[in-house]
Amino acid sequence: MSLSVLGTVGLLAGCEPEVGSDRWCEKMADTPKSDWSVNDAKAFAQHCIFKEYGDDEEEEEEEEEK
């Protein structure tokens, strides 16, 4: 019986998107901010907000080089 419980918990844990992935960013954007932890907010800022800003700058630099 305990093995089935552990197996179920393992499967459920595997369903969560990886922190910083596009899917995770979308999930967090849809989650009420009051449900976020401090770590969630920090990770969202690093991976979802500043990542997009950094990607835009790199594209602009590549266009300037051409």
C-alpha atoms as a PDB file:
ATOM      1  CA  MET A   1       0.000   0.000   0.000  1.00  0.00           C
ATOM      2  CA  SER A   2       2.766   2.461   0.828  1.00  0.00           C
ATOM      3  CA  LEU A   3       4.409   1.828  -2.545  1.00  0.00           C
ATOM      4  CA  SER A   4       1.256   2.869  -4.374  1.00  0.00           C
ATOM      5  CA  VAL A   5       1.107   6.081  -2.347  1.00  0.00           C
ATOM      6  CA  LEU A   6       4.755   6.836  -3.105  1.00  0.00           C
ATOM      7  CA  GLY A   7       4.200   6.078  -6.779  1.00  0.00           C
ATOM      8  CA  THR A   8       1.232   8.445  -6.941  1.00  0.00           C
ATOM      9  CA  VAL A   9       3.156  11.212  -5.202  1.00  0.00           C
ATOM     10  CA  GLY A  10       6.069  10.689  -7.578  1.00  0.00           C
ATOM     11  CA  LEU A  11       3.817  10.940 -10.618  1.00  0.00           C
ATOM     12  CA  LEU A  12       2.152  14.095  -9.349  1.00  0.00           C
ATOM     13  CA  ALA A  13       5.472  15.749  -8.629  1.00  0.00           C
ATOM     14  CA  GLY A  14       6.618  14.976 -12.169  1.00  0.00           C
ATOM     15  CA  CYS A  15       3.683  16.906 -13.645  1.00  0.00           C
ATOM     16  CA  GLU A  16       4.853  20.306 -12.439  1.00  0.00           C
ATOM     17  CA  PRO A  17       6.576  22.403 -15.108  1.00  0.00           C
ATOM     18  CA  GLU A  18      10.248  23.210 -14.597  1.00  0.00           C
ATOM     19  CA  VAL A  19      10.870  26.562 -12.930  1.00  0.00           C
ATOM     20  CA  GLY A  20      11.760  29.113 -15.583  1.00  0.00           C
ATOM     21  CA  SER A  21      10.187  27.210 -18.485  1.00  0.00           C
ATOM     22  CA  ASP A  22       7.635  28.942 -20.705  1.00  0.00           C
ATOM     23  CA  ARG A  23       4.930  26.694 -19.282  1.00  0.00           C
ATOM     24  CA  TRP A  24       5.917  27.604 -15.713  1.00  0.00           C
ATOM     25  CA  CYS A  25       5.899  31.327 -16.545  1.00  0.00           C
ATOM     26  CA  GLU A  26       2.402  31.023 -18.029  1.00  0.00           C
ATOM     27  CA  LYS A  27       1.202  29.071 -14.988  1.00  0.00           C
ATOM     28  CA  MET A  28       2.608  31.664 -12.588  1.00  0.00           C
ATOM     29  CA  ALA A  29       1.131  34.542 -14.598  1.00  0.00           C
ATOM     30  CA  ASP A  30      -2.290  32.923 -14.124  1.00  0.00           C
ATOM     31  CA  THR A  31      -1.730  32.289 -10.399  1.00  0.00           C
ATOM     32  CA  PRO A  32      -2.952  35.039  -8.020  1.00  0.00           C
ATOM     33  CA  LYS A  33       0.055  36.983  -6.722  1.00  0.00           C
ATOM     34  CA  SER A  34      -1.190  36.479  -3.167  1.00  0.00           C
ATOM     35  CA  ASP A  35      -0.482  32.738  -3.609  1.00  0.00           C
ATOM     36  CA  TRP A  36       3.160  33.294  -4.603  1.00  0.00           C
ATOM     37  CA  SER A  37       6.035  32.685  -2.226  1.00  0.00           C
ATOM     38  CA  VAL A  38       9.022  35.016  -2.112  1.00  0.00           C
ATOM     39  CA  ASN A  39      10.988  32.398  -4.064  1.00  0.00           C
ATOM     40  CA  ASP A  40       8.230  32.217  -6.696  1.00  0.00           C
ATOM     41  CA  ALA A  41       8.330  35.992  -7.183  1.00  0.00           C
ATOM     42  CA  LYS A  42      12.114  36.014  -7.448  1.00  0.00           C
ATOM     43  CA  ALA A  43      12.169  33.134  -9.940  1.00  0.00           C
ATOM     44  CA  PHE A  44       9.379  34.734 -12.004  1.00  0.00           C
ATOM     45  CA  ALA A  45      11.310  37.991 -12.211  1.00  0.00           C
ATOM     46  CA  GLN A  46      14.560  36.246 -13.163  1.00  0.00           C
ATOM     47  CA  HIS A  47      13.185  33.737 -15.652  1.00  0.00           C
ATOM     48  CA  CYS A  48      10.063  35.341 -17.073  1.00  0.00           C
ATOM     49  CA  ILE A  49      10.477  39.127 -16.968  1.00  0.00           C
ATOM     50  CA  PHE A  50      14.205  39.816 -17.231  1.00  0.00           C
ATOM     51  CA  LYS A  51      14.766  36.853 -19.568  1.00  0.00           C
ATOM     52  CA  GLU A  52      12.360  38.375 -22.113  1.00  0.00           C
ATOM     53  CA  TYR A  53      14.017  41.780 -21.769  1.00  0.00           C
ATOM     54  CA  GLY A  54      17.457  40.271 -22.259  1.00  0.00           C
ATOM     55  CA  ASP A  55      16.308  38.366 -25.354  1.00  0.00           C
ATOM     56  CA  ASP A  56      15.063  41.616 -26.935  1.00  0.00           C
ATOM     57  CA  GLU A  57      18.419  43.313 -26.370  1.00  0.00           C
ATOM     58  CA  GLU A  58      20.310  40.404 -27.968  1.00  0.00           C
ATOM     59  CA  GLU A  59      18.060  40.514 -31.042  1.00  0.00           C
ATOM     60  CA  GLU A  60      18.629  44.267 -31.411  1.00  0.00           C
ATOM     61  CA  GLU A  61      22.394  43.805 -31.169  1.00  0.00           C
ATOM     62  CA  GLU A  62      22.320  41.074 -33.820  1.00  0.00           C
ATOM     63  CA  GLU A  63      20.320  43.325 -36.166  1.00  0.00           C
ATOM     64  CA  GLU A  64      22.780  46.206 -35.641  1.00  0.00           C
ATOM     65  CA  GLU A  65      25.715  43.932 -36.559  1.00  0.00           C
ATOM     66  CA  LYS A  66      24.141  43.059 -39.941  1.00  0.00           C
END
